[in-house]
Amino acid sequence: MKKINFLKTIFLFAVATTATNAQQITGSSSFSPSSGGARILSAQGDTAANPAIGFQSSVSDPTTAQNDGGGGNGIFRPIANNMAFSTGSVERMRIGQSGNVGIGIQTPTAGLHVLGGQLPNQVNAVIKLERNDLSNQAGVFSLMLSGSSWPSVASSIGAGSACFKLEDPFGNTQNSDMAFSTNGISPQLILKHSGNVGIGTLLPTSKLEIQGGDVKIGNVSTPAGYKLYVEQGILTEKVKVAVATSAAWADYVFANDYKLKPLSEVESFIKDNNHLPNVPSAKELVKEGLDLGKMQATQMEKIEELTLYLIEMKKEIEVLKKENTLMKVLVSQSKN
């Protein structure tokens, strides 16, 4: 019965209004059921003399819908062909004429344009993606390609200085590569479709390739002339040191023109320096470190020198043995 009365009212209102003379309601008007006091439709003017609910099919076509609690919450038309959403009398979101949606910004320049607070005063994230269900392996954020162009995700601070960027630097020719660039510079790190990772190079040929700079592991500083410093040691089952040239190895000791020091000279050097000739002292090793390849070559030099000393000593012993045998014969003959 209540619905029938309401429909009758709408029908009579429509009959009394012709197509050329639209009915305009000023001030406040409401439609209510016969009992209960709850309003079915309410139009109420605000301080700016605009209707709380308005529909107008003209060039300006304003459309607004607001509550009557004085909280400034609702949907309104800020400018032509734009729609905005507000809470607490502050615009929160806007849909522009082109269809771009802006959150925190009134002039969105992308399909979804989100503007957060200013750094470094911003405490909360601009966009937060969170999920509680860890059983699903679909991920939290997915960027998918549906057209022919390859996606690029970027976040910038200042003009031309991206603080985080994912892109395809090769267009469609290397379509599954991922690159990271910072400060407006060409990609600094790239993950190739082959699985190779490059830092300082766009064409890594191994699983990890680094060009330029050095690498350190631990709270240390890499000395000049070195590329890697590992604090507290490395545990490995095999170490292979490359030798640059044959001249860096100790085969020169066996050359005919090599000058082997007399043992007396070596003895004198040891007494004065407490280490072998051409071998770094303990103080030098503490200061400069131990060059594994060079030290191995030095040790081989001393081993080969020691071999020459033994060969020379063997010859001397053979001479002494012959002399000793001859002396025994002479002594035996003298007794007879």
Foldseek 3Di string as FASTA:
>chain_A
DQVVVQVVVVVVQVVVADPVRHDDDFAKDFDDTPDDPDTPDIWHADPVRDILADADPDQQGWGWHDDPPPQLFTWTDPGGQKIFTDGSVDTAWIQHNVRAIEGPDDDDPDNYHFDDDDPPVDDDDRDDFDDDDPVDPPDRDDDDDDDQWADKDFDDDDPQFTQWIWDDPPIPPQRPKIFTDGTNDPGQWIQGPVCAIEGNDPDDPDNYYYDDAAEEDDPDDDDPPDRYYYPPDDDDDDDDDDDPDPVLAQPCCPDPPHDQDPVVVQVVVCVVPVDGPPADDPVCCVVPNDDVSNNVRVVVNVVVSVVVVVVVVVVVVVVVVVVVVVVVVVVVVVVD
